[in-house]
Amino acid sequence: MRKNSKKKHDSNSFRDIKKELYRQQKIKREELSMMAIQEKKKRTNLAFILLCLTISFTLFFGFYYLSLKVPNKDNAKHKEDKTVSSVSKESSTTQQDEPELEMDKKQKELKNKLVVEDEKKFAFKWTLDNFVELKIAKIGGWKNNPTLEEVITKYGKGSNVSFTENGLTLTYKTRVMDIEKNSLSDHPQEIRLGFFDPDSNGKEYYLITKSALFLDDSRYPVAAKEEFVFNWKPEDIDTLILGDRQRGKGGMTYQEVVERFGLPSYSNIHGNDTDFDPLSLSIQYINIRKSDTERKSDRVTLIFRRQEDGSFCLADARSEFDKSW
């Protein structure tokens, strides 16, 4: 009985092993079949790619050959396309910039009324006195200020104008070269006047700001180059009487300084001439000594503020002395 049972068990085990081997062989055959199909697809894709490349090269060289044969026709078409594109862009730009072009037209017309066209004919007529007489009201009172038309009528056209959203700046600028005096006399003269357009329509402009640079005045000359003498010593700075730094009130006058130390080598009247920023008179005494190997200099800089009576009082003083002399 035990022998029969053992034989039956061995028979079942052999069948199971045989089934497992058959299943594994079937799986292996399926894997080989899939690999064969994939390899066939690769060969097909490669052949298709080579065909596409062949066609592409053929078309490229074909078109290149044709372009060499008929260049004039292609060039004509290119020029035509370029012209159409240019016209299209210009049309689009014109539609977008019509308001700006109209504004530019108004500004150009106004510029012709305000600016001397020929630079050679422009004359700088501003002096210290007529700059001071051009009054600006305090903040909020701009309607009482001179208008653009009044300024042009009295002082003439400017040398340039720039426009803003609600106003403009009129500039009077020239250059002074006085070789007979000091080399520092070569300088620009400039008046800048700012005008406000309350309605932003270009009909009426009111003066609201003004500034000056290198205003000429015979009362504040500089020494001729051959006549200039540097009379300063380092200890002289401490003897000067300075007034209020912003307004100069209480300081010694320009005339008092010149009486002690002579005419300066440099002079510049500049500023805005307002309650907050009075006109300033900056002067310098410069002593320069040159040699083949070096250049040494002494310098004294004085700044005066204009007073209500028209005089200039000392507000600041600085000096630089080369101690190696």
C-alpha atoms as a PDB file:
ATOM      1  CA  MET A   1       0.000   0.000   0.000  1.00  0.00           C
ATOM      2  CA  ARG A   2       2.777   2.372   0.895  1.00  0.00           C
ATOM      3  CA  LYS A   3       4.638   1.567  -2.320  1.00  0.00           C
ATOM      4  CA  ASN A   4       1.582   2.407  -4.453  1.00  0.00           C
ATOM      5  CA  SER A   5       1.121   5.699  -2.655  1.00  0.00           C
ATOM      6  CA  LYS A   6       4.772   6.631  -3.142  1.00  0.00           C
ATOM      7  CA  LYS A   7       4.631   5.797  -6.863  1.00  0.00           C
ATOM      8  CA  LYS A   8       1.524   7.942  -7.269  1.00  0.00           C
ATOM      9  CA  HIS A   9       3.211  10.905  -5.550  1.00  0.00           C
ATOM     10  CA  ASP A  10       6.323  10.635  -7.762  1.00  0.00           C
ATOM     11  CA  SER A  11       4.119  10.495 -10.852  1.00  0.00           C
ATOM     12  CA  ASN A  12       2.338  13.743  -9.865  1.00  0.00           C
ATOM     13  CA  SER A  13       5.644  15.529  -9.181  1.00  0.00           C
ATOM     14  CA  PHE A  14       7.013  14.543 -12.594  1.00  0.00           C
ATOM     15  CA  ARG A  15       3.901  15.912 -14.329  1.00  0.00           C
ATOM     16  CA  ASP A  16       4.194  19.235 -12.448  1.00  0.00           C
ATOM     17  CA  ILE A  17       7.852  19.604 -13.443  1.00  0.00           C
ATOM     18  CA  LYS A  18       6.982  18.808 -17.040  1.00  0.00           C
ATOM     19  CA  LYS A  19       4.212  21.433 -17.041  1.00  0.00           C
ATOM     20  CA  GLU A  20       6.549  24.086 -15.551  1.00  0.00           C
ATOM     21  CA  LEU A  21       9.210  23.361 -18.215  1.00  0.00           C
ATOM     22  CA  TYR A  22       6.579  23.621 -20.949  1.00  0.00           C
ATOM     23  CA  ARG A  23       5.323  26.954 -19.562  1.00  0.00           C
ATOM     24  CA  GLN A  24       8.845  28.392 -19.421  1.00  0.00           C
ATOM     25  CA  GLN A  25       9.545  27.277 -23.009  1.00  0.00           C
ATOM     26  CA  LYS A  26       6.322  28.959 -24.141  1.00  0.00           C
ATOM     27  CA  ILE A  27       7.308  32.229 -22.432  1.00  0.00           C
ATOM     28  CA  LYS A  28      10.755  32.056 -24.050  1.00  0.00           C
ATOM     29  CA  ARG A  29       9.197  31.539 -27.499  1.00  0.00           C
ATOM     30  CA  GLU A  30       6.954  34.579 -26.971  1.00  0.00           C
ATOM     31  CA  GLU A  31       9.919  36.733 -25.939  1.00  0.00           C
ATOM     32  CA  LEU A  32      11.869  35.678 -29.044  1.00  0.00           C
ATOM     33  CA  SER A  33       8.842  36.432 -31.196  1.00  0.00           C
ATOM     34  CA  MET A  34       8.506  39.959 -29.694  1.00  0.00           C
ATOM     35  CA  MET A  35      12.209  40.624 -30.221  1.00  0.00           C
ATOM     36  CA  ALA A  36      11.891  39.595 -33.866  1.00  0.00           C
ATOM     37  CA  ILE A  37       8.915  41.926 -34.359  1.00  0.00           C
ATOM     38  CA  GLN A  38      10.782  44.871 -32.742  1.00  0.00           C
ATOM     39  CA  GLU A  39      13.847  44.245 -34.885  1.00  0.00           C
ATOM     40  CA  LYS A  40      11.656  44.229 -37.987  1.00  0.00           C
ATOM     41  CA  LYS A  41      10.094  47.561 -36.941  1.00  0.00           C
ATOM     42  CA  LYS A  42      13.550  49.095 -36.405  1.00  0.00           C
ATOM     43  CA  ARG A  43      14.645  48.061 -39.883  1.00  0.00           C
ATOM     44  CA  THR A  44      11.428  49.491 -41.339  1.00  0.00           C
ATOM     45  CA  ASN A  45      11.834  52.828 -39.494  1.00  0.00           C
ATOM     46  CA  LEU A  46      15.464  53.096 -40.551  1.00  0.00           C
ATOM     47  CA  ALA A  47      14.509  52.512 -44.170  1.00  0.00           C
ATOM     48  CA  PHE A  48      11.770  55.178 -43.913  1.00  0.00           C
ATOM     49  CA  ILE A  49      14.189  57.715 -42.377  1.00  0.00           C
ATOM     50  CA  LEU A  50      16.744  57.081 -45.125  1.00  0.00           C
ATOM     51  CA  LEU A  51      14.014  57.569 -47.716  1.00  0.00           C
ATOM     52  CA  CYS A  52      12.939  60.884 -46.170  1.00  0.00           C
ATOM     53  CA  LEU A  53      16.516  62.134 -46.058  1.00  0.00           C
ATOM     54  CA  THR A  54      17.023  61.186 -49.697  1.00  0.00           C
ATOM     55  CA  ILE A  55      13.859  63.057 -50.727  1.00  0.00           C
ATOM     56  CA  SER A  56      14.833  66.111 -48.628  1.00  0.00           C
ATOM     57  CA  PHE A  57      18.307  66.349 -50.168  1.00  0.00           C
ATOM     58  CA  THR A  58      16.826  65.900 -53.625  1.00  0.00           C
ATOM     59  CA  LEU A  59      14.294  68.722 -53.085  1.00  0.00           C
ATOM     60  CA  PHE A  60      16.937  71.013 -51.539  1.00  0.00           C
ATOM     61  CA  PHE A  61      19.385  70.652 -54.410  1.00  0.00           C
ATOM     62  CA  GLY A  62      16.501  70.923 -56.865  1.00  0.00           C
ATOM     63  CA  PHE A  63      15.322  74.257 -55.450  1.00  0.00           C
ATOM     64  CA  TYR A  64      18.910  75.494 -55.190  1.00  0.00           C
ATOM     65  CA  TYR A  65      19.478  74.685 -58.852  1.00  0.00           C
ATOM     66  CA  LEU A  66      16.270  76.474 -59.834  1.00  0.00           C
ATOM     67  CA  SER A  67      17.234  79.536 -57.763  1.00  0.00           C
ATOM     68  CA  LEU A  68      20.483  79.788 -59.673  1.00  0.00           C
ATOM     69  CA  LYS A  69      18.604  79.583 -62.930  1.00  0.00           C
ATOM     70  CA  VAL A  70      16.024  82.309 -62.174  1.00  0.00           C
ATOM     71  CA  PRO A  71      17.596  84.789 -59.684  1.00  0.00           C
ATOM     72  CA  ASN A  72      15.968  87.908 -61.102  1.00  0.00           C
ATOM     73  CA  LYS A  73      12.474  86.622 -60.516  1.00  0.00           C
ATOM     74  CA  ASP A  74      13.206  85.743 -56.902  1.00  0.00           C
ATOM     75  CA  ASN A  75      14.865  89.088 -56.251  1.00  0.00           C
ATOM     76  CA  ALA A  76      11.914  90.932 -57.719  1.00  0.00           C
ATOM     77  CA  LYS A  77       9.530  88.987 -55.509  1.00  0.00           C
ATOM     78  CA  HIS A  78      11.723  89.673 -52.435  1.00  0.00           C
ATOM     79  CA  LYS A  79      11.764  93.400 -53.169  1.00  0.00           C
ATOM     80  CA  GLU A  80       8.010  93.411 -53.660  1.00  0.00           C
ATOM     81  CA  ASP A  81       7.424  91.595 -50.370  1.00  0.00           C
ATOM     82  CA  LYS A  82       9.799  93.994 -48.600  1.00  0.00           C
ATOM     83  CA  THR A  83       7.995  97.019 -50.042  1.00  0.00           C
ATOM     84  CA  VAL A  84       4.579  95.686 -49.009  1.00  0.00           C
ATOM     85  CA  SER A  85       5.891  94.968 -45.495  1.00  0.00           C
ATOM     86  CA  SER A  86       7.385  98.466 -45.229  1.00  0.00           C
ATOM     87  CA  VAL A  87       4.166 100.124 -46.365  1.00  0.00           C
ATOM     88  CA  SER A  88       2.190  98.017 -43.910  1.00  0.00           C
ATOM     89  CA  LYS A  89       4.461  99.037 -41.015  1.00  0.00           C
ATOM     90  CA  GLU A  90       4.303 102.705 -41.985  1.00  0.00           C
ATOM     91  CA  SER A  91       0.524 102.556 -42.175  1.00  0.00           C
ATOM     92  CA  SER A  92       0.311 100.932 -38.742  1.00  0.00           C
ATOM     93  CA  THR A  93       2.728 103.459 -37.242  1.00  0.00           C
ATOM     94  CA  THR A  94       0.813 106.370 -38.750  1.00  0.00           C
ATOM     95  CA  GLN A  95      -2.468 105.168 -37.239  1.00  0.00           C
ATOM     96  CA  GLN A  96      -0.913 104.756 -33.792  1.00  0.00           C
ATOM     97  CA  ASP A  97       1.008 108.047 -33.761  1.00  0.00           C
ATOM     98  CA  GLU A  98      -1.606 110.424 -35.209  1.00  0.00           C
ATOM     99  CA  PRO A  99      -2.208 112.227 -31.857  1.00  0.00           C
ATOM    100  CA  GLU A 100       1.542 112.421 -31.230  1.00  0.00           C
ATOM    101  CA  LEU A 101       2.173 113.728 -34.742  1.00  0.00           C
ATOM    102  CA  GLU A 102      -0.452 116.407 -34.250  1.00  0.00           C
ATOM    103  CA  MET A 103       1.153 117.407 -30.948  1.00  0.00           C
ATOM    104  CA  ASP A 104       4.587 117.457 -32.577  1.00  0.00           C
ATOM    105  CA  LYS A 105       3.197 119.717 -35.285  1.00  0.00           C
ATOM    106  CA  LYS A 106       1.922 122.204 -32.690  1.00  0.00           C
ATOM    107  CA  GLN A 107       5.208 122.090 -30.832  1.00  0.00           C
ATOM    108  CA  LYS A 108       7.174 122.684 -34.028  1.00  0.00           C
ATOM    109  CA  GLU A 109       5.010 125.689 -34.847  1.00  0.00           C
ATOM    110  CA  LEU A 110       5.527 127.062 -31.340  1.00  0.00           C
ATOM    111  CA  LYS A 111       9.257 126.354 -31.501  1.00  0.00           C
ATOM    112  CA  ASN A 112       9.543 128.531 -34.614  1.00  0.00           C
ATOM    113  CA  LYS A 113       8.036 131.401 -32.621  1.00  0.00           C
ATOM    114  CA  LEU A 114      10.313 130.899 -29.621  1.00  0.00           C
ATOM    115  CA  VAL A 115      13.718 129.918 -31.013  1.00  0.00           C
ATOM    116  CA  VAL A 116      16.135 131.641 -33.392  1.00  0.00           C
ATOM    117  CA  GLU A 117      16.554 129.248 -36.331  1.00  0.00           C
ATOM    118  CA  ASP A 118      20.054 130.361 -37.306  1.00  0.00           C
ATOM    119  CA  GLU A 119      22.437 129.913 -34.364  1.00  0.00           C
ATOM    120  CA  LYS A 120      24.795 132.527 -35.807  1.00  0.00           C
ATOM    121  CA  LYS A 121      22.046 135.141 -35.536  1.00  0.00           C
ATOM    122  CA  PHE A 122      21.260 134.398 -31.897  1.00  0.00           C
ATOM    123  CA  ALA A 123      22.295 137.176 -29.498  1.00  0.00           C
ATOM    124  CA  PHE A 124      22.542 136.751 -25.724  1.00  0.00           C
ATOM    125  CA  LYS A 125      21.137 140.002 -24.292  1.00  0.00           C
ATOM    126  CA  TRP A 126      20.624 139.033 -20.676  1.00  0.00           C
ATOM    127  CA  THR A 127      22.292 140.972 -17.871  1.00  0.00           C
ATOM    128  CA  LEU A 128      22.122 140.781 -14.105  1.00  0.00           C
ATOM    129  CA  ASP A 129      19.673 143.685 -13.952  1.00  0.00           C
ATOM    130  CA  ASN A 130      17.099 142.399 -16.443  1.00  0.00           C
ATOM    131  CA  PHE A 131      17.283 138.898 -14.953  1.00  0.00           C
ATOM    132  CA  VAL A 132      16.487 140.342 -11.512  1.00  0.00           C
ATOM    133  CA  GLU A 133      13.620 142.476 -12.826  1.00  0.00           C
ATOM    134  CA  LEU A 134      11.908 139.350 -14.179  1.00  0.00           C
ATOM    135  CA  LYS A 135       9.863 138.676 -11.046  1.00  0.00           C
ATOM    136  CA  ILE A 136       8.166 135.443 -10.050  1.00  0.00           C
ATOM    137  CA  ALA A 137       5.294 135.483  -7.568  1.00  0.00           C
ATOM    138  CA  LYS A 138       5.242 133.236  -4.544  1.00  0.00           C
ATOM    139  CA  ILE A 139       3.796 129.716  -4.705  1.00  0.00           C
ATOM    140  CA  GLY A 140       0.175 129.794  -5.814  1.00  0.00           C
ATOM    141  CA  GLY A 141       0.371 133.204  -7.457  1.00  0.00           C
ATOM    142  CA  TRP A 142       1.592 132.052 -10.881  1.00  0.00           C
ATOM    143  CA  LYS A 143      -1.255 133.859 -12.689  1.00  0.00           C
ATOM    144  CA  ASN A 144       0.466 137.134 -11.788  1.00  0.00           C
ATOM    145  CA  ASN A 145       3.754 136.008 -13.355  1.00  0.00           C
ATOM    146  CA  PRO A 146       4.937 137.130 -16.817  1.00  0.00           C
ATOM    147  CA  THR A 147       3.551 135.123 -19.720  1.00  0.00           C
ATOM    148  CA  LEU A 148       5.625 133.439 -22.401  1.00  0.00           C
ATOM    149  CA  GLU A 149       4.510 136.007 -24.978  1.00  0.00           C
ATOM    150  CA  GLU A 150       5.535 138.897 -22.718  1.00  0.00           C
ATOM    151  CA  VAL A 151       8.989 137.413 -22.138  1.00  0.00           C
ATOM    152  CA  ILE A 152       9.595 136.817 -25.845  1.00  0.00           C
ATOM    153  CA  THR A 153       8.440 140.329 -26.692  1.00  0.00           C
ATOM    154  CA  LYS A 154      10.761 141.929 -24.143  1.00  0.00           C
ATOM    155  CA  TYR A 155      13.847 139.701 -24.196  1.00  0.00           C
ATOM    156  CA  GLY A 156      13.718 138.110 -27.644  1.00  0.00           C
ATOM    157  CA  LYS A 157      13.784 134.521 -28.854  1.00  0.00           C
ATOM    158  CA  GLY A 158      15.806 131.825 -27.159  1.00  0.00           C
ATOM    159  CA  SER A 159      18.372 129.365 -28.477  1.00  0.00           C
ATOM    160  CA  ASN A 160      16.417 126.212 -27.625  1.00  0.00           C
ATOM    161  CA  VAL A 161      13.136 124.956 -26.161  1.00  0.00           C
ATOM    162  CA  SER A 162      12.057 121.640 -24.634  1.00  0.00           C
ATOM    163  CA  PHE A 163       8.467 120.576 -23.984  1.00  0.00           C
ATOM    164  CA  THR A 164       6.909 118.730 -21.058  1.00  0.00           C
ATOM    165  CA  GLU A 165       3.391 117.396 -20.492  1.00  0.00           C
ATOM    166  CA  ASN A 166       2.119 120.689 -19.047  1.00  0.00           C
ATOM    167  CA  GLY A 167       4.767 123.249 -19.872  1.00  0.00           C
ATOM    168  CA  LEU A 168       8.064 124.065 -21.519  1.00  0.00           C
ATOM    169  CA  THR A 169      11.588 125.273 -20.759  1.00  0.00           C
ATOM    170  CA  LEU A 170      13.017 128.099 -22.832  1.00  0.00           C
ATOM    171  CA  THR A 171      16.811 128.361 -22.911  1.00  0.00           C
ATOM    172  CA  TYR A 172      19.064 131.271 -23.809  1.00  0.00           C
ATOM    173  CA  LYS A 173      22.618 129.973 -24.168  1.00  0.00           C
ATOM    174  CA  THR A 174      25.853 131.235 -25.647  1.00  0.00           C
ATOM    175  CA  ARG A 175      29.571 130.900 -25.000  1.00  0.00           C
ATOM    176  CA  VAL A 176      31.927 133.683 -23.996  1.00  0.00           C
ATOM    177  CA  MET A 177      35.610 133.532 -24.919  1.00  0.00           C
ATOM    178  CA  ASP A 178      37.784 136.349 -23.663  1.00  0.00           C
ATOM    179  CA  ILE A 179      41.386 135.479 -24.480  1.00  0.00           C
ATOM    180  CA  GLU A 180      42.671 138.899 -23.470  1.00  0.00           C
ATOM    181  CA  LYS A 181      41.678 138.285 -19.852  1.00  0.00           C
ATOM    182  CA  ASN A 182      42.117 135.123 -17.857  1.00  0.00           C
ATOM    183  CA  SER A 183      41.894 131.681 -19.462  1.00  0.00           C
ATOM    184  CA  LEU A 184      38.996 130.932 -17.102  1.00  0.00           C
ATOM    185  CA  SER A 185      36.935 133.572 -18.918  1.00  0.00           C
ATOM    186  CA  ASP A 186      36.047 130.951 -21.508  1.00  0.00           C
ATOM    187  CA  HIS A 187      32.634 129.891 -20.202  1.00  0.00           C
ATOM    188  CA  PRO A 188      29.000 129.296 -21.192  1.00  0.00           C
ATOM    189  CA  GLN A 189      26.306 131.837 -20.385  1.00  0.00           C
ATOM    190  CA  GLU A 190      22.863 130.378 -19.861  1.00  0.00           C
ATOM    191  CA  ILE A 191      19.377 131.472 -18.816  1.00  0.00           C
ATOM    192  CA  ARG A 192      16.688 128.819 -18.333  1.00  0.00           C
ATOM    193  CA  LEU A 193      13.043 129.857 -17.964  1.00  0.00           C
ATOM    194  CA  GLY A 194      10.344 127.341 -17.006  1.00  0.00           C
ATOM    195  CA  PHE A 195       6.741 128.012 -18.066  1.00  0.00           C
ATOM    196  CA  PHE A 196       3.511 126.356 -16.875  1.00  0.00           C
ATOM    197  CA  ASP A 197       0.533 125.589 -19.114  1.00  0.00           C
ATOM    198  CA  PRO A 198      -2.435 125.284 -16.682  1.00  0.00           C
ATOM    199  CA  ASP A 199      -4.849 123.913 -19.302  1.00  0.00           C
ATOM    200  CA  SER A 200      -2.276 121.782 -21.161  1.00  0.00           C
ATOM    201  CA  ASN A 201      -3.541 123.133 -24.463  1.00  0.00           C
ATOM    202  CA  GLY A 202      -0.611 125.330 -25.480  1.00  0.00           C
ATOM    203  CA  LYS A 203      -2.626 128.549 -25.437  1.00  0.00           C
ATOM    204  CA  GLU A 204      -1.154 130.308 -22.396  1.00  0.00           C
ATOM    205  CA  TYR A 205       2.109 129.768 -20.544  1.00  0.00           C
ATOM    206  CA  TYR A 206       3.133 131.408 -17.246  1.00  0.00           C
ATOM    207  CA  LEU A 207       6.681 131.802 -15.926  1.00  0.00           C
ATOM    208  CA  ILE A 208       7.209 129.687 -12.787  1.00  0.00           C
ATOM    209  CA  THR A 209      10.999 129.092 -12.581  1.00  0.00           C
ATOM    210  CA  LYS A 210      14.167 130.823 -13.703  1.00  0.00           C
ATOM    211  CA  SER A 211      17.883 130.144 -13.347  1.00  0.00           C
ATOM    212  CA  ALA A 212      21.081 131.810 -14.500  1.00  0.00           C
ATOM    213  CA  LEU A 213      24.673 130.786 -15.103  1.00  0.00           C
ATOM    214  CA  PHE A 214      27.592 133.168 -15.704  1.00  0.00           C
ATOM    215  CA  LEU A 215      25.608 136.391 -15.838  1.00  0.00           C
ATOM    216  CA  ASP A 216      27.829 139.250 -16.910  1.00  0.00           C
ATOM    217  CA  ASP A 217      27.991 142.486 -14.959  1.00  0.00           C
ATOM    218  CA  SER A 218      30.600 145.212 -15.229  1.00  0.00           C
ATOM    219  CA  ARG A 219      30.500 145.712 -11.450  1.00  0.00           C
ATOM    220  CA  TYR A 220      32.014 142.256 -10.885  1.00  0.00           C
ATOM    221  CA  PRO A 221      34.929 141.868 -13.338  1.00  0.00           C
ATOM    222  CA  VAL A 222      37.897 139.503 -13.264  1.00  0.00           C
ATOM    223  CA  ALA A 223      41.553 140.499 -13.505  1.00  0.00           C
ATOM    224  CA  ALA A 224      43.357 140.340 -16.823  1.00  0.00           C
ATOM    225  CA  LYS A 225      45.727 137.382 -16.934  1.00  0.00           C
ATOM    226  CA  GLU A 226      48.900 139.482 -16.989  1.00  0.00           C
ATOM    227  CA  GLU A 227      47.595 141.771 -14.215  1.00  0.00           C
ATOM    228  CA  PHE A 228      46.385 139.161 -11.737  1.00  0.00           C
ATOM    229  CA  VAL A 229      48.233 139.039  -8.402  1.00  0.00           C
ATOM    230  CA  PHE A 230      47.657 136.378  -5.739  1.00  0.00           C
ATOM    231  CA  ASN A 231      47.774 138.271  -2.427  1.00  0.00           C
ATOM    232  CA  TRP A 232      46.387 135.566  -0.126  1.00  0.00           C
ATOM    233  CA  LYS A 233      48.081 133.853   2.805  1.00  0.00           C
ATOM    234  CA  PRO A 234      46.658 130.864   4.711  1.00  0.00           C
ATOM    235  CA  GLU A 235      45.987 132.972   7.819  1.00  0.00           C
ATOM    236  CA  ASP A 236      43.909 135.509   5.827  1.00  0.00           C
ATOM    237  CA  ILE A 237      40.939 133.131   5.677  1.00  0.00           C
ATOM    238  CA  ASP A 238      40.377 133.456   9.430  1.00  0.00           C
ATOM    239  CA  THR A 239      40.097 137.238   9.140  1.00  0.00           C
ATOM    240  CA  LEU A 240      37.079 137.120   6.806  1.00  0.00           C
ATOM    241  CA  ILE A 241      33.631 137.968   8.187  1.00  0.00           C
ATOM    242  CA  LEU A 242      31.051 135.386   7.099  1.00  0.00           C
ATOM    243  CA  GLY A 243      27.323 136.037   7.183  1.00  0.00           C
ATOM    244  CA  ASP A 244      24.355 133.676   7.078  1.00  0.00           C
ATOM    245  CA  ARG A 245      25.342 130.638   5.019  1.00  0.00           C
ATOM    246  CA  GLN A 246      22.111 130.595   2.983  1.00  0.00           C
ATOM    247  CA  ARG A 247      21.559 134.334   2.543  1.00  0.00           C
ATOM    248  CA  GLY A 248      24.903 135.938   3.418  1.00  0.00           C
ATOM    249  CA  LYS A 249      23.305 138.514   5.679  1.00  0.00           C
ATOM    250  CA  GLY A 250      25.884 140.125   7.965  1.00  0.00           C
ATOM    251  CA  GLY A 251      28.909 139.072   5.906  1.00  0.00           C
ATOM    252  CA  MET A 252      31.502 141.403   4.423  1.00  0.00           C
ATOM    253  CA  THR A 253      30.696 142.697   0.931  1.00  0.00           C
ATOM    254  CA  TYR A 254      32.311 141.834  -2.368  1.00  0.00           C
ATOM    255  CA  GLN A 255      33.784 145.348  -2.579  1.00  0.00           C
ATOM    256  CA  GLU A 256      35.466 144.951   0.807  1.00  0.00           C
ATOM    257  CA  VAL A 257      37.136 141.709  -0.245  1.00  0.00           C
ATOM    258  CA  VAL A 258      38.353 143.176  -3.548  1.00  0.00           C
ATOM    259  CA  GLU A 259      39.809 146.211  -1.775  1.00  0.00           C
ATOM    260  CA  ARG A 260      41.970 143.900   0.369  1.00  0.00           C
ATOM    261  CA  PHE A 261      42.950 141.178  -2.098  1.00  0.00           C
ATOM    262  CA  GLY A 262      42.380 142.609  -5.574  1.00  0.00           C
ATOM    263  CA  LEU A 263      40.272 141.333  -8.489  1.00  0.00           C
ATOM    264  CA  PRO A 264      39.716 137.570  -8.712  1.00  0.00           C
ATOM    265  CA  SER A 265      40.765 135.300 -11.573  1.00  0.00           C
ATOM    266  CA  TYR A 266      37.289 133.770 -11.840  1.00  0.00           C
ATOM    267  CA  SER A 267      33.756 135.114 -11.379  1.00  0.00           C
ATOM    268  CA  ASN A 268      30.316 133.549 -11.830  1.00  0.00           C
ATOM    269  CA  ILE A 269      26.903 135.038 -11.022  1.00  0.00           C
ATOM    270  CA  HIS A 270      24.417 132.173 -10.854  1.00  0.00           C
ATOM    271  CA  GLY A 271      21.244 130.912  -9.171  1.00  0.00           C
ATOM    272  CA  ASN A 272      17.472 131.353  -9.214  1.00  0.00           C
ATOM    273  CA  ASP A 273      16.895 134.724  -7.531  1.00  0.00           C
ATOM    274  CA  THR A 274      14.020 133.552  -5.346  1.00  0.00           C
ATOM    275  CA  ASP A 275      13.230 133.970  -1.659  1.00  0.00           C
ATOM    276  CA  PHE A 276      14.526 130.462  -0.985  1.00  0.00           C
ATOM    277  CA  ASP A 277      17.488 130.553  -3.372  1.00  0.00           C
ATOM    278  CA  PRO A 278      18.978 134.025  -3.889  1.00  0.00           C
ATOM    279  CA  LEU A 279      21.489 134.748  -6.626  1.00  0.00           C
ATOM    280  CA  SER A 280      25.067 133.844  -5.765  1.00  0.00           C
ATOM    281  CA  LEU A 281      28.377 135.363  -6.789  1.00  0.00           C
ATOM    282  CA  SER A 282      31.211 132.832  -6.786  1.00  0.00           C
ATOM    283  CA  ILE A 283      34.767 134.080  -7.189  1.00  0.00           C
ATOM    284  CA  GLN A 284      38.152 132.386  -7.093  1.00  0.00           C
ATOM    285  CA  TYR A 285      41.750 133.479  -6.631  1.00  0.00           C
ATOM    286  CA  ILE A 286      44.011 130.857  -8.223  1.00  0.00           C
ATOM    287  CA  ASN A 287      47.797 130.839  -8.088  1.00  0.00           C
ATOM    288  CA  ILE A 288      49.418 128.235 -10.357  1.00  0.00           C
ATOM    289  CA  ARG A 289      53.108 127.438 -10.647  1.00  0.00           C
ATOM    290  CA  LYS A 290      54.371 124.985 -13.216  1.00  0.00           C
ATOM    291  CA  SER A 291      57.688 123.256 -13.654  1.00  0.00           C
ATOM    292  CA  ASP A 292      58.984 120.575 -15.980  1.00  0.00           C
ATOM    293  CA  THR A 293      58.033 117.854 -13.522  1.00  0.00           C
ATOM    294  CA  GLU A 294      55.079 119.122 -11.501  1.00  0.00           C
ATOM    295  CA  ARG A 295      52.278 121.645 -11.120  1.00  0.00           C
ATOM    296  CA  LYS A 296      51.389 123.329  -7.834  1.00  0.00           C
ATOM    297  CA  SER A 297      48.534 125.662  -7.002  1.00  0.00           C
ATOM    298  CA  ASP A 298      46.893 127.705  -4.252  1.00  0.00           C
ATOM    299  CA  ARG A 299      43.202 128.422  -4.409  1.00  0.00           C
ATOM    300  CA  VAL A 300      40.732 130.594  -2.467  1.00  0.00           C
ATOM    301  CA  THR A 301      36.994 130.245  -3.222  1.00  0.00           C
ATOM    302  CA  LEU A 302      34.435 132.753  -1.920  1.00  0.00           C
ATOM    303  CA  ILE A 303      30.648 132.645  -2.277  1.00  0.00           C
ATOM    304  CA  PHE A 304      28.484 135.766  -1.844  1.00  0.00           C
ATOM    305  CA  ARG A 305      24.651 136.007  -1.701  1.00  0.00           C
ATOM    306  CA  ARG A 306      22.702 138.842  -3.257  1.00  0.00           C
ATOM    307  CA  GLN A 307      20.903 141.143  -0.791  1.00  0.00           C
ATOM    308  CA  GLU A 308      17.687 143.140  -1.243  1.00  0.00           C
ATOM    309  CA  ASP A 309      19.703 146.314  -1.885  1.00  0.00           C
ATOM    310  CA  GLY A 310      21.583 144.582  -4.741  1.00  0.00           C
ATOM    311  CA  SER A 311      24.893 144.068  -2.900  1.00  0.00           C
ATOM    312  CA  PHE A 312      26.601 140.683  -2.451  1.00  0.00           C
ATOM    313  CA  CYS A 313      27.625 139.581   1.058  1.00  0.00           C
ATOM    314  CA  LEU A 314      30.035 136.785   1.951  1.00  0.00           C
ATOM    315  CA  ALA A 315      28.369 133.492   2.940  1.00  0.00           C
ATOM    316  CA  ASP A 316      31.130 130.912   2.548  1.00  0.00           C
ATOM    317  CA  ALA A 317      34.922 130.764   2.184  1.00  0.00           C
ATOM    318  CA  ARG A 318      37.258 127.877   1.388  1.00  0.00           C
ATOM    319  CA  SER A 319      40.963 127.646   0.652  1.00  0.00           C
ATOM    320  CA  GLU A 320      43.592 125.172  -0.525  1.00  0.00           C
ATOM    321  CA  PHE A 321      47.266 125.986  -0.053  1.00  0.00           C
ATOM    322  CA  ASP A 322      50.120 123.783  -1.224  1.00  0.00           C
ATOM    323  CA  LYS A 323      52.410 123.612   1.820  1.00  0.00           C
ATOM    324  CA  SER A 324      55.329 122.245  -0.199  1.00  0.00           C
ATOM    325  CA  TRP A 325      56.036 125.670  -1.706  1.00  0.00           C
END
